[in-house]
Every structure is written in structure tokens, then in C-alpha cells.
Amino acid sequence: MTSSGRDRQFFEILARLPARVWLQAALALVGFALLVFLGFALIAGFAALVVLLVLGYKAKALLASLFGKPRPRHGAAKVIDVQYEIIERGKER
């Protein structure tokens, strides 16, 4: 049997399927497309939410630094006024 003969036989089998099978296949295809769309929409929505949260946090810090009292940075060293004395060592040893 040639390749076109097998193709023709396959299409004849498909043509004999009842309408209920065709409707189920069409609904399954639409459902699959909807799930794909919603999946990408959920991923994009989650990424957008993360970006908005990060930008909101940065904007809050910027506004606080512009209008509020300056916050000391975490781990910043305090400057303390210290007196020191230089001791010169001669040839005592």
C-alpha cells in the first residue's frame, strides 16, 4: 500500500467519526488553548506583581529619604571625637 493510500484510509476513518467526537475534540482544543493563555497570563501577572512590589519599596525608600529624617544605614560606623597622642621612640633599645 502506498503512502497516499494510507493517508486516504486515515481520512476515511476520521470521516466516519460521530459528531459527538468532533465536538469533544473541538472543545478540548479550545480548553487547551484557554489553559495555555491563562498559564502565560498567570506567569506574566506574577512577574508584574513582583516588579510593582520592588518599585513600590524603592519609591517608599526614596520618598522617606527626601522628606523624612535621614536613617542611619545598617552597619554604618559612628564617628566619635577622639584625642590621641603621638609617642616618638628613640634609640632606647
C-alpha atoms as a PDB file:
ATOM      1  CA  MET A   1       0.000   0.000   0.000  1.00  0.00           C
ATOM      2  CA  THR A   2       1.389   3.399  -0.911  1.00  0.00           C
ATOM      3  CA  SER A   3       1.651   6.412   1.318  1.00  0.00           C
ATOM      4  CA  SER A   4      -1.323   8.148  -0.345  1.00  0.00           C
ATOM      5  CA  GLY A   5      -3.395   5.007   0.190  1.00  0.00           C
ATOM      6  CA  ARG A   6      -2.659   5.063   3.925  1.00  0.00           C
ATOM      7  CA  ASP A   7      -3.484   8.759   4.080  1.00  0.00           C
ATOM      8  CA  ARG A   8      -6.775   8.151   2.285  1.00  0.00           C
ATOM      9  CA  GLN A   9      -7.638   5.317   4.667  1.00  0.00           C
ATOM     10  CA  PHE A  10      -6.829   7.549   7.681  1.00  0.00           C
ATOM     11  CA  PHE A  11      -9.082  10.344   6.390  1.00  0.00           C
ATOM     12  CA  GLU A  12     -11.890   7.841   5.764  1.00  0.00           C
ATOM     13  CA  ILE A  13     -11.644   6.681   9.379  1.00  0.00           C
ATOM     14  CA  LEU A  14     -11.791  10.296  10.544  1.00  0.00           C
ATOM     15  CA  ALA A  15     -14.793  10.986   8.334  1.00  0.00           C
ATOM     16  CA  ARG A  16     -16.711   8.095   9.941  1.00  0.00           C
ATOM     17  CA  LEU A  17     -16.348   9.510  13.456  1.00  0.00           C
ATOM     18  CA  PRO A  18     -19.615  10.716  15.004  1.00  0.00           C
ATOM     19  CA  ALA A  19     -20.305  14.434  15.503  1.00  0.00           C
ATOM     20  CA  ARG A  20     -20.039  13.992  19.292  1.00  0.00           C
ATOM     21  CA  VAL A  21     -16.333  13.055  18.930  1.00  0.00           C
ATOM     22  CA  TRP A  22     -15.684  16.077  16.717  1.00  0.00           C
ATOM     23  CA  LEU A  23     -17.389  18.400  19.243  1.00  0.00           C
ATOM     24  CA  GLN A  24     -15.410  16.906  22.113  1.00  0.00           C
ATOM     25  CA  ALA A  25     -12.174  17.322  20.171  1.00  0.00           C
ATOM     26  CA  ALA A  26     -13.029  20.950  19.332  1.00  0.00           C
ATOM     27  CA  LEU A  27     -13.917  21.708  22.980  1.00  0.00           C
ATOM     28  CA  ALA A  28     -10.715  20.033  24.152  1.00  0.00           C
ATOM     29  CA  LEU A  29      -8.687  22.148  21.729  1.00  0.00           C
ATOM     30  CA  VAL A  30     -10.403  25.353  22.902  1.00  0.00           C
ATOM     31  CA  GLY A  31      -9.890  24.316  26.544  1.00  0.00           C
ATOM     32  CA  PHE A  32      -6.229  23.586  25.931  1.00  0.00           C
ATOM     33  CA  ALA A  33      -5.746  26.978  24.241  1.00  0.00           C
ATOM     34  CA  LEU A  34      -7.514  28.676  27.156  1.00  0.00           C
ATOM     35  CA  LEU A  35      -5.310  26.907  29.697  1.00  0.00           C
ATOM     36  CA  VAL A  36      -2.187  27.902  27.766  1.00  0.00           C
ATOM     37  CA  PHE A  37      -3.357  31.522  27.625  1.00  0.00           C
ATOM     38  CA  LEU A  38      -4.243  31.588  31.328  1.00  0.00           C
ATOM     39  CA  GLY A  39      -0.957  29.944  32.226  1.00  0.00           C
ATOM     40  CA  PHE A  40       1.031  32.617  30.416  1.00  0.00           C
ATOM     41  CA  ALA A  41      -1.248  35.282  31.879  1.00  0.00           C
ATOM     42  CA  LEU A  42      -0.629  33.973  35.401  1.00  0.00           C
ATOM     43  CA  ILE A  43       3.128  33.932  34.899  1.00  0.00           C
ATOM     44  CA  ALA A  44       3.114  37.437  33.414  1.00  0.00           C
ATOM     45  CA  GLY A  45       0.808  38.692  36.166  1.00  0.00           C
ATOM     46  CA  PHE A  46       3.033  37.267  38.887  1.00  0.00           C
ATOM     47  CA  ALA A  47       6.126  38.847  37.291  1.00  0.00           C
ATOM     48  CA  ALA A  48       4.331  42.203  37.022  1.00  0.00           C
ATOM     49  CA  LEU A  49       3.275  41.978  40.679  1.00  0.00           C
ATOM     50  CA  VAL A  50       6.863  41.319  41.781  1.00  0.00           C
ATOM     51  CA  VAL A  51       8.134  44.256  39.711  1.00  0.00           C
ATOM     52  CA  LEU A  52       5.462  46.553  41.175  1.00  0.00           C
ATOM     53  CA  LEU A  53       6.309  45.477  44.728  1.00  0.00           C
ATOM     54  CA  VAL A  54      10.018  46.123  44.182  1.00  0.00           C
ATOM     55  CA  LEU A  55       9.360  49.515  42.583  1.00  0.00           C
ATOM     56  CA  GLY A  56       6.962  50.434  45.398  1.00  0.00           C
ATOM     57  CA  TYR A  57       9.548  49.551  48.021  1.00  0.00           C
ATOM     58  CA  LYS A  58      12.206  51.609  46.214  1.00  0.00           C
ATOM     59  CA  ALA A  59       9.806  54.565  45.837  1.00  0.00           C
ATOM     60  CA  LYS A  60       8.945  54.401  49.544  1.00  0.00           C
ATOM     61  CA  ALA A  61      12.630  54.460  50.469  1.00  0.00           C
ATOM     62  CA  LEU A  62      13.254  57.369  48.083  1.00  0.00           C
ATOM     63  CA  LEU A  63      10.373  59.431  49.465  1.00  0.00           C
ATOM     64  CA  ALA A  64      11.428  58.675  53.031  1.00  0.00           C
ATOM     65  CA  SER A  65      14.957  59.844  52.287  1.00  0.00           C
ATOM     66  CA  LEU A  66      13.719  63.029  50.606  1.00  0.00           C
ATOM     67  CA  PHE A  67      11.121  64.134  53.167  1.00  0.00           C
ATOM     68  CA  GLY A  68      11.960  62.286  56.349  1.00  0.00           C
ATOM     69  CA  LYS A  69      14.886  62.439  58.693  1.00  0.00           C
ATOM     70  CA  PRO A  70      17.863  60.517  57.401  1.00  0.00           C
ATOM     71  CA  ARG A  71      18.024  56.970  58.648  1.00  0.00           C
ATOM     72  CA  PRO A  72      21.378  55.568  59.633  1.00  0.00           C
ATOM     73  CA  ARG A  73      22.449  52.881  57.259  1.00  0.00           C
ATOM     74  CA  HIS A  74      22.669  49.382  58.614  1.00  0.00           C
ATOM     75  CA  GLY A  75      26.224  48.610  59.619  1.00  0.00           C
ATOM     76  CA  ALA A  76      27.417  52.210  59.266  1.00  0.00           C
ATOM     77  CA  ALA A  77      30.192  53.175  61.693  1.00  0.00           C
ATOM     78  CA  LYS A  78      29.649  56.031  64.138  1.00  0.00           C
ATOM     79  CA  VAL A  79      32.186  58.815  64.169  1.00  0.00           C
ATOM     80  CA  ILE A  80      33.474  59.596  67.642  1.00  0.00           C
ATOM     81  CA  ASP A  81      35.745  62.513  68.544  1.00  0.00           C
ATOM     82  CA  VAL A  82      38.963  61.009  69.856  1.00  0.00           C
ATOM     83  CA  GLN A  83      42.107  62.551  71.217  1.00  0.00           C
ATOM     84  CA  TYR A  84      45.334  60.799  70.506  1.00  0.00           C
ATOM     85  CA  GLU A  85      48.974  61.363  71.352  1.00  0.00           C
ATOM     86  CA  ILE A  86      51.980  60.566  69.204  1.00  0.00           C
ATOM     87  CA  ILE A  87      54.811  58.887  71.056  1.00  0.00           C
ATOM     88  CA  GLU A  88      58.153  59.003  69.396  1.00  0.00           C
ATOM     89  CA  ARG A  89      60.532  56.225  70.195  1.00  0.00           C
ATOM     90  CA  GLY A  90      64.142  56.943  70.004  1.00  0.00           C
ATOM     91  CA  LYS A  91      67.128  54.666  70.212  1.00  0.00           C
ATOM     92  CA  GLU A  92      66.194  53.385  73.611  1.00  0.00           C
ATOM     93  CA  ARG A  93      66.688  49.723  72.687  1.00  0.00           C
END
